[in-house]
């Protein structure tokens, strides 16, 4: 499924330039690149993969937002510090595809909801991803972004974007039914594997 990130991009009629890769909570861009992406980068040398690190320290890694004690992203009423993460992503330029894992995937779901609900991400602010309707998105191991659930529920129908939802049927971190719920609302293709909360690295 990792290869799908590059495959979705190389299917474009114009040359691929850049793919944005968003780590999950407790990770970092460097860790994700070193542990998961070296083989993919070698297989697709024409693609520049970009691995930003979230701005909020948490444990031994970083997070795209913080939560109140006892909360999860699918129960919270607020993503604390989210604006800093959005500003960071806005400064990274244009991409052909965006891939997110866990909290990174939840971030993509929230951004998509606001982008297309208001025509600009998060109110009057500039869009997070330039030319968003032409991007390809992969959400791996996502959960429901509860603070933005109303925006998702009020969308008139599936979005006119290319989205792949990848999740594990045995995921005990982010319930797979939440990823399936996102897929029904956002539209796009679904790849459900039998495993848990991880990044599948097979050719599917």
Protein backbone atom coordinates (compact mmCIF):
# COMPACT_ATOMS: atom_id res chain seq x y z
CA UNK A 1 0.00 0.00 0.00
CA UNK A 2 2.95 2.33 0.43
CA UNK A 3 3.60 1.92 -3.28
CA UNK A 4 0.13 3.27 -3.97
CA UNK A 5 1.33 6.69 -2.91
CA UNK A 6 3.81 6.74 -5.77
CA UNK A 7 1.55 4.84 -8.14
CA UNK A 8 -1.29 7.35 -7.76
CA UNK A 9 1.17 10.11 -8.55
CA UNK A 10 2.89 8.51 -11.52
CA UNK A 11 -0.51 7.91 -13.13
CA UNK A 12 -0.74 11.65 -13.69
CA UNK A 13 -0.26 12.86 -17.25
CA UNK A 14 2.40 15.35 -16.17
CA UNK A 15 5.72 14.52 -14.50
CA UNK A 16 5.59 13.87 -10.80
CA UNK A 17 7.54 16.32 -8.68
CA UNK A 18 6.72 16.05 -4.99
CA UNK A 19 4.78 13.84 -2.56
CA UNK A 20 4.02 14.97 1.00
CA UNK A 21 4.25 12.25 3.70
CA UNK A 22 2.69 12.91 7.14
CA UNK A 23 3.66 10.79 10.13
CA UNK A 24 1.39 9.72 12.98
CA UNK A 25 1.28 10.89 16.59
CA UNK A 26 4.52 10.19 18.42
CA UNK A 27 6.54 9.91 15.23
CA UNK A 28 8.61 12.30 13.17
CA UNK A 29 9.34 12.92 9.54
CA UNK A 30 12.89 11.64 9.86
CA UNK A 31 11.85 8.46 11.66
CA UNK A 32 9.20 7.66 9.07
CA UNK A 33 11.62 8.25 6.21
CA UNK A 34 14.35 6.09 7.73
CA UNK A 35 12.11 3.24 8.88
CA UNK A 36 9.58 3.01 6.08
CA UNK A 37 10.43 4.98 2.99
CA UNK A 38 13.99 4.27 1.87
CA UNK A 39 12.96 1.35 -0.35
CA UNK A 40 10.14 3.37 -1.90
CA UNK A 41 12.36 6.38 -2.52
CA UNK A 42 14.90 4.13 -4.24
CA UNK A 43 12.17 2.57 -6.41
CA UNK A 44 10.87 5.98 -7.53
CA UNK A 45 13.92 8.24 -7.91
CA UNK A 46 12.01 10.81 -9.96
CA UNK A 47 9.76 11.62 -7.00
CA UNK A 48 10.77 13.99 -4.22
CA UNK A 49 9.21 12.73 -0.99
CA UNK A 50 8.88 15.41 1.69
CA UNK A 51 8.72 14.38 5.37
CA UNK A 52 7.80 17.28 7.67
CA UNK A 53 7.81 16.83 11.43
CA UNK A 54 4.80 17.99 13.43
CA UNK A 55 5.43 21.04 15.67
CA UNK A 56 4.25 19.70 19.05
CA UNK A 57 6.57 17.48 21.15
CA UNK A 58 4.85 14.49 22.73
CA UNK A 59 6.77 11.71 24.44
CA UNK A 60 9.70 10.69 22.25
CA UNK A 61 8.10 12.14 19.12
CA UNK A 62 5.79 14.82 17.83
CA UNK A 63 2.08 15.45 17.20
CA UNK A 64 0.08 17.56 14.77
CA UNK A 65 -2.16 18.65 17.66
CA UNK A 66 -2.56 18.02 21.38
CA UNK A 67 -5.54 16.67 23.29
CA UNK A 68 -6.93 17.07 26.77
CA UNK A 69 -6.23 14.18 29.18
CA UNK A 70 -8.30 11.11 28.40
CA UNK A 71 -9.38 12.30 24.96
CA UNK A 72 -8.82 10.76 21.56
CA UNK A 73 -9.04 12.52 18.23
CA UNK A 74 -12.39 10.83 17.59
CA UNK A 75 -13.83 12.02 20.93
CA UNK A 76 -12.22 15.47 21.31
CA UNK A 77 -14.03 18.76 20.79
CA UNK A 78 -10.82 20.61 19.95
CA UNK A 79 -7.49 19.89 18.29
CA UNK A 80 -5.16 22.07 20.37
CA UNK A 81 -2.38 23.65 18.33
CA UNK A 82 -3.74 22.56 14.97
CA UNK A 83 -3.27 26.03 13.45
CA UNK A 84 0.50 25.77 13.88
CA UNK A 85 0.53 22.52 11.94
CA UNK A 86 -1.61 23.97 9.16
CA UNK A 87 0.70 26.97 8.86
CA UNK A 88 3.67 24.61 8.64
CA UNK A 89 2.05 22.63 5.82
CA UNK A 90 1.02 25.77 3.93
CA UNK A 91 4.65 26.79 3.77
CA UNK A 92 5.81 23.60 2.06
CA UNK A 93 4.58 24.43 -1.44
CA UNK A 94 2.77 22.37 -4.03
CA UNK A 95 2.49 18.58 -4.16
CA UNK A 96 1.11 15.96 -6.52
CA UNK A 97 0.05 13.59 -3.75
CA UNK A 98 -0.34 13.60 0.03
CA UNK A 99 -0.07 10.51 2.26
CA UNK A 100 -0.92 10.47 5.96
CA UNK A 101 -0.76 7.79 8.64
CA UNK A 102 -2.91 7.75 11.80
CA UNK A 103 -2.95 11.34 13.12
CA UNK A 104 -1.48 12.45 9.80
CA UNK A 105 -4.42 10.81 8.02
CA UNK A 106 -6.90 12.39 10.43
CA UNK A 107 -5.31 15.74 9.60
CA UNK A 108 -5.96 15.11 5.91
CA UNK A 109 -9.59 14.23 6.57
CA UNK A 110 -10.13 17.42 8.57
CA UNK A 111 -8.42 19.53 5.93
CA UNK A 112 -10.51 17.99 3.15
CA UNK A 113 -13.72 18.60 5.07
CA UNK A 114 -12.99 22.27 5.60
CA UNK A 115 -11.42 22.80 2.19
CA UNK A 116 -14.53 21.75 0.33
CA UNK A 117 -17.13 22.85 2.85
CA UNK A 118 -16.00 26.46 2.87
CA UNK A 119 -14.00 26.66 -0.35
CA UNK A 120 -10.94 27.47 1.74
CA UNK A 121 -9.43 25.49 4.55
CA UNK A 122 -10.52 26.52 8.04
CA UNK A 123 -12.55 29.62 7.37
CA UNK A 124 -10.89 32.56 5.67
CA UNK A 125 -7.37 31.12 5.87
CA UNK A 126 -5.57 30.09 2.65
CA UNK A 127 -5.93 26.46 1.59
CA UNK A 128 -3.52 24.05 3.22
CA UNK A 129 -2.76 22.29 -0.05
CA UNK A 130 -2.43 24.33 -3.23
CA UNK A 131 -4.54 23.05 -6.16
CA UNK A 132 -6.28 20.69 -3.77
CA UNK A 133 -8.78 19.34 -6.30
CA UNK A 134 -5.90 18.02 -8.41
CA UNK A 135 -4.13 16.25 -5.55
CA UNK A 136 -4.21 12.56 -4.76
CA UNK A 137 -4.74 11.63 -1.11
CA UNK A 138 -4.00 8.45 0.82
CA UNK A 139 -5.41 8.09 4.35
CA UNK A 140 -3.79 5.20 6.20
CA UNK A 141 -5.25 4.11 9.53
CA UNK A 142 -7.43 7.19 9.93
CA UNK A 143 -10.08 7.91 12.55
CA UNK A 144 -13.00 10.31 12.70
CA UNK A 145 -11.80 13.93 13.20
CA UNK A 146 -14.46 14.73 15.77
CA UNK A 147 -14.06 18.54 15.98
CA UNK A 148 -14.82 18.65 12.24
CA UNK A 149 -17.46 15.97 12.15
CA UNK A 150 -20.25 18.46 11.44
CA UNK A 151 -18.37 19.73 8.39
CA UNK A 152 -17.97 16.19 7.10
CA UNK A 153 -21.60 15.29 7.72
CA UNK A 154 -22.82 18.42 5.93
CA UNK A 155 -20.92 17.74 2.71
CA UNK A 156 -23.44 17.33 -0.13
CA UNK A 157 -21.85 14.11 -1.34
CA UNK A 158 -18.54 12.40 -2.10
CA UNK A 159 -15.79 14.87 -3.02
CA UNK A 160 -14.49 15.28 -6.53
CA UNK A 161 -10.98 14.24 -5.53
CA UNK A 162 -8.88 11.08 -5.78
CA UNK A 163 -8.69 9.45 -2.35
CA UNK A 164 -7.49 6.02 -1.23
CA UNK A 165 -8.56 4.86 2.23
CA UNK A 166 -6.29 2.18 3.67
CA UNK A 167 -7.02 0.57 7.02
CA UNK A 168 -6.75 -2.69 8.94
CA UNK A 169 -9.75 -4.79 9.90
CA UNK A 170 -7.98 -5.65 13.18
CA UNK A 171 -6.93 -2.09 14.06
CA UNK A 172 -7.22 -1.63 17.83
CA UNK A 173 -5.88 1.96 17.85
CA UNK A 174 -8.25 3.67 15.45
CA UNK A 175 -11.46 1.64 14.98
CA UNK A 176 -11.72 0.51 11.33
CA UNK A 177 -15.41 1.43 11.19
CA UNK A 178 -14.36 5.06 11.54
CA UNK A 179 -12.08 4.84 8.52
CA UNK A 180 -14.93 3.18 6.63
CA UNK A 181 -17.23 6.01 7.68
CA UNK A 182 -14.76 8.55 6.30
CA UNK A 183 -14.59 6.60 3.04
CA UNK A 184 -18.37 6.68 2.64
CA UNK A 185 -18.47 10.44 3.14
CA UNK A 186 -15.35 11.51 1.26
CA UNK A 187 -15.64 8.94 -1.51
CA UNK A 188 -12.71 7.26 -3.22
CA UNK A 189 -11.23 3.78 -3.23
CA UNK A 190 -10.82 1.49 -0.21
CA UNK A 191 -8.07 -1.00 0.60
CA UNK A 192 -8.88 -2.97 3.75
CA UNK A 193 -6.22 -5.43 4.91
CA UNK A 194 -6.50 -8.03 7.66
CA UNK A 195 -3.88 -6.48 9.93
CA UNK A 196 -3.86 -3.77 12.57
CA UNK A 197 -2.65 -0.20 12.94
CA UNK A 198 0.39 -0.20 10.71
CA UNK A 199 1.60 0.80 7.28
CA UNK A 200 1.28 -2.18 4.92
CA UNK A 201 4.29 -2.45 2.66
CA UNK A 202 3.06 -5.05 0.21
CA UNK A 203 2.39 -4.28 -3.44
CA UNK A 204 -1.36 -3.82 -2.96
